[in-house]
Amino acid sequence: MSYPFKIDPKLDLTLERVLDAPRELLWRAMTVPEHVKQWFTPKPWIVSDCEIDLRPGGLFRTRMQSPDGKEVNDRRCCYLEIVPNERLVWTDALLPGYRPSGEPFITAVISLQADGNGTRYTATAIHRDQATRNNHEEMGFFDGWGTVADQLERYVKTI
């Protein structure tokens, strides 16, 4: 996998899986709000709202709802790079239109590569410092993002 950056294990977390789905279908599930709402957070949490303006500088927003119905985590991100069927890059360090945000946490890079009959799905969370990276790992990065990848794989079989 060729990245537009160098992965630093002290600052970045990466999850890689081969999903049993074509990358065009995974791309659609990752870029259409109605689809994102079905898989983007570990169940029993749900994405109650999603907005996507799929262009560099465009908005990627998700609002999550806890199992008890409380609306939380209204995250507004800015797309940095969009390579159809191959890579999505977004960050919460910037708001739409490349406006600085107040509380940056990660830049996410999601890559899709054909792999036999499936797709190699690689999700990398880039952090500003080691403390933020370690906190994200302790919060359950691998379990959470792994669950979400599994949910994505199952969901695309229904569309």
Protein backbone atom coordinates (compact mmCIF):
# COMPACT_ATOMS: atom_id res chain seq x y z
CA MET A 1 0.00 0.00 0.00
CA SER A 2 1.41 3.36 -1.01
CA TYR A 3 0.39 6.16 1.34
CA PRO A 4 0.75 9.89 0.81
CA PHE A 5 2.44 9.94 4.26
CA LYS A 6 4.78 7.81 6.31
CA ILE A 7 3.10 5.72 9.00
CA ASP A 8 4.66 6.33 12.41
CA PRO A 9 3.74 3.56 14.90
CA LYS A 10 4.32 6.00 17.77
CA LEU A 11 1.60 8.32 16.42
CA ASP A 12 -0.64 6.24 14.14
CA LEU A 13 -2.97 3.28 14.51
CA THR A 14 -3.74 1.01 11.56
CA LEU A 15 -6.32 -1.70 11.05
CA GLU A 16 -6.14 -3.88 7.95
CA ARG A 17 -8.61 -6.52 6.80
CA VAL A 18 -9.56 -8.27 3.60
CA LEU A 19 -13.31 -7.79 3.24
CA ASP A 20 -15.48 -10.11 1.17
CA ALA A 21 -16.91 -7.38 -1.05
CA PRO A 22 -15.97 -5.45 -4.18
CA ARG A 23 -14.38 -2.09 -3.49
CA GLU A 24 -16.97 -0.23 -5.62
CA LEU A 25 -19.70 -1.44 -3.28
CA LEU A 26 -17.64 -0.61 -0.18
CA TRP A 27 -16.98 2.86 -1.63
CA ARG A 28 -20.72 3.44 -2.10
CA ALA A 29 -21.40 2.35 1.49
CA MET A 30 -18.68 4.76 2.71
CA THR A 31 -19.82 7.80 0.72
CA VAL A 32 -23.64 7.82 0.81
CA PRO A 33 -25.15 9.10 4.09
CA GLU A 34 -28.03 6.59 4.17
CA HIS A 35 -25.50 3.77 3.94
CA VAL A 36 -22.99 5.25 6.42
CA LYS A 37 -25.75 5.41 9.03
CA GLN A 38 -26.10 1.61 8.88
CA TRP A 39 -22.56 0.56 9.82
CA PHE A 40 -20.29 3.45 10.93
CA THR A 41 -20.43 2.97 14.72
CA PRO A 42 -20.31 -0.24 16.79
CA LYS A 43 -23.79 -1.51 17.63
CA PRO A 44 -25.80 -0.96 19.81
CA TRP A 45 -24.74 2.66 19.16
CA ILE A 46 -26.22 4.16 16.00
CA VAL A 47 -25.43 6.99 13.63
CA SER A 48 -28.57 9.08 13.94
CA ASP A 49 -27.56 11.62 11.29
CA CYS A 50 -24.94 11.88 8.56
CA GLU A 51 -24.05 14.58 6.06
CA ILE A 52 -21.56 14.18 3.22
CA ASP A 53 -20.30 16.77 0.76
CA LEU A 54 -17.90 14.48 -1.11
CA ARG A 55 -15.19 16.85 -2.33
CA PRO A 56 -11.90 18.12 -0.95
CA GLY A 57 -12.85 20.77 1.61
CA GLY A 58 -16.33 19.24 1.90
CA LEU A 59 -18.18 18.17 5.03
CA PHE A 60 -18.23 14.70 6.57
CA ARG A 61 -20.49 14.87 9.64
CA THR A 62 -21.85 12.11 11.83
CA ARG A 63 -23.97 12.31 14.94
CA MET A 64 -24.08 9.24 17.14
CA GLN A 65 -26.71 8.07 19.57
CA SER A 66 -26.02 5.95 22.64
CA PRO A 67 -28.06 2.81 23.39
CA ASP A 68 -30.14 4.85 25.88
CA GLY A 69 -31.09 7.33 23.13
CA LYS A 70 -28.75 10.19 24.10
CA GLU A 71 -27.40 12.16 21.12
CA VAL A 72 -23.63 12.47 21.43
CA ASN A 73 -20.50 12.97 19.39
CA ASP A 74 -21.67 15.33 16.64
CA ARG A 75 -18.36 15.15 14.74
CA ARG A 76 -17.69 17.58 11.89
CA CYS A 77 -14.79 16.71 9.62
CA CYS A 78 -13.28 18.03 6.41
CA TYR A 79 -12.44 15.82 3.45
CA LEU A 80 -8.82 16.26 2.39
CA GLU A 81 -8.52 13.68 -0.37
CA ILE A 82 -10.99 11.65 -2.39
CA VAL A 83 -9.82 9.02 -4.88
CA PRO A 84 -12.97 7.16 -5.98
CA ASN A 85 -12.97 3.47 -5.05
CA GLU A 86 -9.44 3.79 -3.59
CA ARG A 87 -9.00 6.29 -0.76
CA LEU A 88 -10.86 8.69 1.53
CA VAL A 89 -9.01 11.07 3.83
CA TRP A 90 -10.77 13.27 6.35
CA THR A 91 -9.82 15.14 9.48
CA ASP A 92 -11.50 16.76 12.44
CA ALA A 93 -8.54 19.18 12.67
CA LEU A 94 -10.34 21.17 9.98
CA LEU A 95 -13.96 22.08 9.44
CA PRO A 96 -15.52 22.27 5.97
CA GLY A 97 -13.82 24.83 3.76
CA TYR A 98 -10.52 24.04 5.51
CA ARG A 99 -11.43 26.19 8.54
CA PRO A 100 -9.41 25.29 11.67
CA SER A 101 -11.26 23.32 14.30
CA GLY A 102 -10.95 23.79 18.04
CA GLU A 103 -10.34 20.23 19.21
CA PRO A 104 -8.53 18.08 16.65
CA PHE A 105 -8.30 14.37 17.38
CA ILE A 106 -7.44 12.45 14.19
CA THR A 107 -6.96 12.41 10.49
CA ALA A 108 -8.43 9.22 9.05
CA VAL A 109 -7.17 7.51 5.91
CA ILE A 110 -9.34 4.71 4.53
CA SER A 111 -7.81 2.81 1.62
CA LEU A 112 -9.39 0.14 -0.57
CA GLN A 113 -7.32 -2.19 -2.77
CA ALA A 114 -8.52 -5.12 -4.84
CA ASP A 115 -7.36 -8.36 -3.22
CA GLY A 116 -8.43 -11.54 -5.01
CA ASN A 117 -12.23 -11.66 -4.89
CA GLY A 118 -12.33 -9.18 -2.04
CA THR A 119 -10.95 -5.83 -0.99
CA ARG A 120 -8.06 -4.99 1.31
CA TYR A 121 -9.54 -2.38 3.67
CA THR A 122 -6.92 -0.34 5.52
CA ALA A 123 -7.96 2.26 8.09
CA THR A 124 -5.30 4.49 9.60
CA ALA A 125 -5.89 7.03 12.36
CA ILE A 126 -3.16 9.68 12.35
CA HIS A 127 -2.70 11.48 15.69
CA ARG A 128 -0.91 14.71 16.62
CA ASP A 129 1.05 13.21 19.51
CA GLN A 130 1.79 9.94 21.25
CA ALA A 131 -0.54 10.65 24.18
CA THR A 132 -3.53 11.10 21.85
CA ARG A 133 -2.59 7.96 19.93
CA ASN A 134 -2.23 5.93 23.14
CA ASN A 135 -5.54 7.26 24.45
CA HIS A 136 -7.28 6.26 21.21
CA GLU A 137 -5.80 2.76 21.45
CA GLU A 138 -6.89 2.47 25.12
CA MET A 139 -10.39 3.68 24.15
CA GLY A 140 -10.61 0.56 21.98
CA PHE A 141 -9.42 1.55 18.51
CA PHE A 142 -8.78 -2.02 17.34
CA ASP A 143 -11.99 -3.49 18.73
CA GLY A 144 -14.13 -0.53 17.69
CA TRP A 145 -12.75 0.03 14.21
CA GLY A 146 -12.59 -3.75 13.71
CA THR A 147 -16.27 -4.09 14.64
CA VAL A 148 -17.12 -1.27 12.25
CA ALA A 149 -15.17 -2.98 9.42
CA ASP A 150 -17.11 -6.20 10.13
CA GLN A 151 -20.39 -4.27 10.11
CA LEU A 152 -19.44 -2.63 6.80
CA GLU A 153 -18.66 -6.02 5.26
CA ARG A 154 -22.00 -7.46 6.40
CA TYR A 155 -23.96 -4.37 5.41
CA VAL A 156 -22.71 -4.20 1.81
CA LYS A 157 -24.14 -7.67 1.24
CA THR A 158 -27.60 -6.16 1.78
CA ILE A 159 -27.37 -3.33 -0.75
